[in-house]
Amino acid sequence: MSKSNEEIYDEFYDAVNMTPSELEDWLKTDKSKDVGQDSGDGEAIGHKSGKKIIEIKNKNKADLNDADYDHMNNVVGYVNRHKAQKPKSDIKTSDWRYSLKNWGHDPCKELDCD
C-alpha cells in the first residue's frame, strides 16, 4: 500500500530537522561536498538532494507537486536507512553525520554529540 501525500509530508518534516538556511549554509562547506556517492557529474547525490530539499521547504504545501512528494518520500527512506547505520565511534565529525546533513537531517540535534 502506498503512502498518501499527507503521510509523506508529515514524515518528511519529521525527518528533515534542518531549516532551509541551515541546509543552505551546510551545502556550501567542503565537508558537505566531500561525502556521498557521485551522481555522475561531480556532485554527490545527497548534495543535489539537499538543494531540492531547500526548494521543497521554501514552497507552500499547496504548491507541492508529484515530483516533490516523490523526492520527499526518497528523503524519508534515506534518512531512516542511514540513521540505522549509526557508527559506534564519535559521530560529531563523521562522514555518517555529514551525509545525513546533506539530506537535511542533523543527528546531533537529537543525539548528544559532545
C-alpha atoms as a PDB file:
ATOM      1  CA  MET A   1       0.000   0.000   0.000  1.00  0.00           C
ATOM      2  CA  SER A   2       1.423   3.368  -0.948  1.00  0.00           C
ATOM      3  CA  LYS A   3       1.518   6.315   1.372  1.00  0.00           C
ATOM      4  CA  SER A   4      -0.704   9.328   0.966  1.00  0.00           C
ATOM      5  CA  ASN A   5       0.833  12.708   0.246  1.00  0.00           C
ATOM      6  CA  GLU A   6      -0.226  13.768   3.747  1.00  0.00           C
ATOM      7  CA  GLU A   7       1.744  10.866   5.283  1.00  0.00           C
ATOM      8  CA  ILE A   8       4.770  11.658   3.132  1.00  0.00           C
ATOM      9  CA  TYR A   9       4.569  15.335   4.088  1.00  0.00           C
ATOM     10  CA  ASP A  10       4.434  14.549   7.815  1.00  0.00           C
ATOM     11  CA  GLU A  11       7.258  12.001   7.627  1.00  0.00           C
ATOM     12  CA  PHE A  12       9.399  14.410   5.587  1.00  0.00           C
ATOM     13  CA  TYR A  13       9.011  17.191   8.113  1.00  0.00           C
ATOM     14  CA  ASP A  14       9.846  14.742  10.924  1.00  0.00           C
ATOM     15  CA  ALA A  15      12.969  13.503   9.117  1.00  0.00           C
ATOM     16  CA  VAL A  16      14.276  16.861   7.864  1.00  0.00           C
ATOM     17  CA  ASN A  17      15.238  18.730  11.020  1.00  0.00           C
ATOM     18  CA  MET A  18      17.356  21.432   9.386  1.00  0.00           C
ATOM     19  CA  THR A  19      15.933  24.751   8.263  1.00  0.00           C
ATOM     20  CA  PRO A  20      16.437  25.846   4.662  1.00  0.00           C
ATOM     21  CA  SER A  21      19.044  28.402   5.787  1.00  0.00           C
ATOM     22  CA  GLU A  22      20.924  25.828   7.905  1.00  0.00           C
ATOM     23  CA  LEU A  23      20.942  23.413   4.990  1.00  0.00           C
ATOM     24  CA  GLU A  24      21.966  26.083   2.510  1.00  0.00           C
ATOM     25  CA  ASP A  25      24.899  27.118   4.732  1.00  0.00           C
ATOM     26  CA  TRP A  26      25.908  23.465   5.205  1.00  0.00           C
ATOM     27  CA  LEU A  27      25.853  22.717   1.472  1.00  0.00           C
ATOM     28  CA  LYS A  28      28.431  25.484   0.909  1.00  0.00           C
ATOM     29  CA  THR A  29      31.012  23.706   3.095  1.00  0.00           C
ATOM     30  CA  ASP A  30      33.815  21.496   1.820  1.00  0.00           C
ATOM     31  CA  LYS A  31      32.734  18.774   4.266  1.00  0.00           C
ATOM     32  CA  SER A  32      29.324  18.687   2.594  1.00  0.00           C
ATOM     33  CA  LYS A  33      30.878  18.360  -0.837  1.00  0.00           C
ATOM     34  CA  ASP A  34      33.348  15.649   0.235  1.00  0.00           C
ATOM     35  CA  VAL A  35      30.832  12.953   1.239  1.00  0.00           C
ATOM     36  CA  GLY A  36      28.419  10.793  -0.675  1.00  0.00           C
ATOM     37  CA  GLN A  37      28.172   8.932  -3.933  1.00  0.00           C
ATOM     38  CA  ASP A  38      28.890  10.900  -7.095  1.00  0.00           C
ATOM     39  CA  SER A  39      25.830  11.315  -9.288  1.00  0.00           C
ATOM     40  CA  GLY A  40      27.979  11.198 -12.426  1.00  0.00           C
ATOM     41  CA  ASP A  41      28.570  14.903 -12.839  1.00  0.00           C
ATOM     42  CA  GLY A  42      30.976  15.504  -9.949  1.00  0.00           C
ATOM     43  CA  GLU A  43      28.268  16.346  -7.416  1.00  0.00           C
ATOM     44  CA  ALA A  44      27.136  13.830  -4.800  1.00  0.00           C
ATOM     45  CA  ILE A  45      23.569  12.538  -4.905  1.00  0.00           C
ATOM     46  CA  GLY A  46      22.963  13.755  -1.345  1.00  0.00           C
ATOM     47  CA  HIS A  47      24.308  17.211  -2.146  1.00  0.00           C
ATOM     48  CA  LYS A  48      21.837  17.505  -5.024  1.00  0.00           C
ATOM     49  CA  SER A  49      19.110  16.210  -2.745  1.00  0.00           C
ATOM     50  CA  GLY A  50      19.881  18.941  -0.228  1.00  0.00           C
ATOM     51  CA  LYS A  51      19.320  21.605  -2.886  1.00  0.00           C
ATOM     52  CA  LYS A  52      15.964  20.032  -3.770  1.00  0.00           C
ATOM     53  CA  ILE A  53      15.020  19.877  -0.070  1.00  0.00           C
ATOM     54  CA  ILE A  54      15.627  23.618   0.228  1.00  0.00           C
ATOM     55  CA  GLU A  55      13.309  24.219  -2.750  1.00  0.00           C
ATOM     56  CA  ILE A  56      10.625  21.995  -1.240  1.00  0.00           C
ATOM     57  CA  LYS A  57      10.811  23.576   2.208  1.00  0.00           C
ATOM     58  CA  ASN A  58      10.524  27.033   0.649  1.00  0.00           C
ATOM     59  CA  LYS A  59       7.265  26.099  -1.130  1.00  0.00           C
ATOM     60  CA  ASN A  60       3.772  26.381   0.232  1.00  0.00           C
ATOM     61  CA  LYS A  61       2.230  22.971   0.850  1.00  0.00           C
ATOM     62  CA  ALA A  62      -0.441  23.646  -1.793  1.00  0.00           C
ATOM     63  CA  ASP A  63       2.290  24.233  -4.398  1.00  0.00           C
ATOM     64  CA  LEU A  64       3.994  20.852  -3.931  1.00  0.00           C
ATOM     65  CA  ASN A  65       3.758  18.589  -6.979  1.00  0.00           C
ATOM     66  CA  ASP A  66       4.110  14.842  -7.541  1.00  0.00           C
ATOM     67  CA  ALA A  67       7.858  15.130  -8.162  1.00  0.00           C
ATOM     68  CA  ASP A  68       8.237  16.967  -4.842  1.00  0.00           C
ATOM     69  CA  TYR A  69       6.348  14.239  -2.994  1.00  0.00           C
ATOM     70  CA  ASP A  70       8.447  11.567  -4.713  1.00  0.00           C
ATOM     71  CA  HIS A  71      11.620  13.296  -3.572  1.00  0.00           C
ATOM     72  CA  MET A  72      10.241  13.826  -0.076  1.00  0.00           C
ATOM     73  CA  ASN A  73       9.493  10.099   0.140  1.00  0.00           C
ATOM     74  CA  ASN A  74      13.033   9.282  -1.046  1.00  0.00           C
ATOM     75  CA  VAL A  75      14.471  11.598   1.617  1.00  0.00           C
ATOM     76  CA  VAL A  76      12.467   9.879   4.350  1.00  0.00           C
ATOM     77  CA  GLY A  77      13.684   6.479   3.180  1.00  0.00           C
ATOM     78  CA  TYR A  78      17.312   7.583   3.016  1.00  0.00           C
ATOM     79  CA  VAL A  79      17.276   9.246   6.441  1.00  0.00           C
ATOM     80  CA  ASN A  80      15.631   6.243   8.085  1.00  0.00           C
ATOM     81  CA  ARG A  81      18.031   3.741   6.477  1.00  0.00           C
ATOM     82  CA  HIS A  82      21.109   5.836   7.183  1.00  0.00           C
ATOM     83  CA  LYS A  83      20.157   6.577  10.805  1.00  0.00           C
ATOM     84  CA  ALA A  84      20.028   2.809  11.393  1.00  0.00           C
ATOM     85  CA  GLN A  85      23.722   2.620  10.421  1.00  0.00           C
ATOM     86  CA  LYS A  86      24.896   4.886  13.272  1.00  0.00           C
ATOM     87  CA  PRO A  87      28.587   4.304  13.960  1.00  0.00           C
ATOM     88  CA  LYS A  88      29.790   3.423  17.441  1.00  0.00           C
ATOM     89  CA  SER A  89      32.580   5.998  17.260  1.00  0.00           C
ATOM     90  CA  ASP A  90      32.341   9.763  17.590  1.00  0.00           C
ATOM     91  CA  ILE A  91      29.611  10.982  15.271  1.00  0.00           C
ATOM     92  CA  LYS A  92      30.175  14.719  15.552  1.00  0.00           C
ATOM     93  CA  THR A  93      32.793  14.783  12.783  1.00  0.00           C
ATOM     94  CA  SER A  94      31.810  11.576  10.991  1.00  0.00           C
ATOM     95  CA  ASP A  95      31.037  11.141   7.314  1.00  0.00           C
ATOM     96  CA  TRP A  96      27.835   9.438   8.545  1.00  0.00           C
ATOM     97  CA  ARG A  97      26.632  12.700  10.085  1.00  0.00           C
ATOM     98  CA  TYR A  98      27.808  14.780   7.139  1.00  0.00           C
ATOM     99  CA  SER A  99      25.962  12.560   4.694  1.00  0.00           C
ATOM    100  CA  LEU A 100      22.752  12.795   6.724  1.00  0.00           C
ATOM    101  CA  LYS A 101      23.116  16.578   6.865  1.00  0.00           C
ATOM    102  CA  ASN A 102      23.249  16.675   3.052  1.00  0.00           C
ATOM    103  CA  TRP A 103      19.802  15.044   3.196  1.00  0.00           C
ATOM    104  CA  GLY A 104      18.529  17.664   5.671  1.00  0.00           C
ATOM    105  CA  HIS A 105      18.893  15.672   8.885  1.00  0.00           C
ATOM    106  CA  ASP A 106      21.410  16.616  11.572  1.00  0.00           C
ATOM    107  CA  PRO A 107      21.564  13.711  14.039  1.00  0.00           C
ATOM    108  CA  CYS A 108      23.306  15.945  16.577  1.00  0.00           C
ATOM    109  CA  LYS A 109      20.015  17.782  17.047  1.00  0.00           C
ATOM    110  CA  GLU A 110      18.592  14.662  18.699  1.00  0.00           C
ATOM    111  CA  LEU A 111      21.735  12.884  19.962  1.00  0.00           C
ATOM    112  CA  ASP A 112      24.383  14.050  22.396  1.00  0.00           C
ATOM    113  CA  CYS A 113      27.331  14.702  20.092  1.00  0.00           C
ATOM    114  CA  ASP A 114      29.652  16.187  22.680  1.00  0.00           C
END
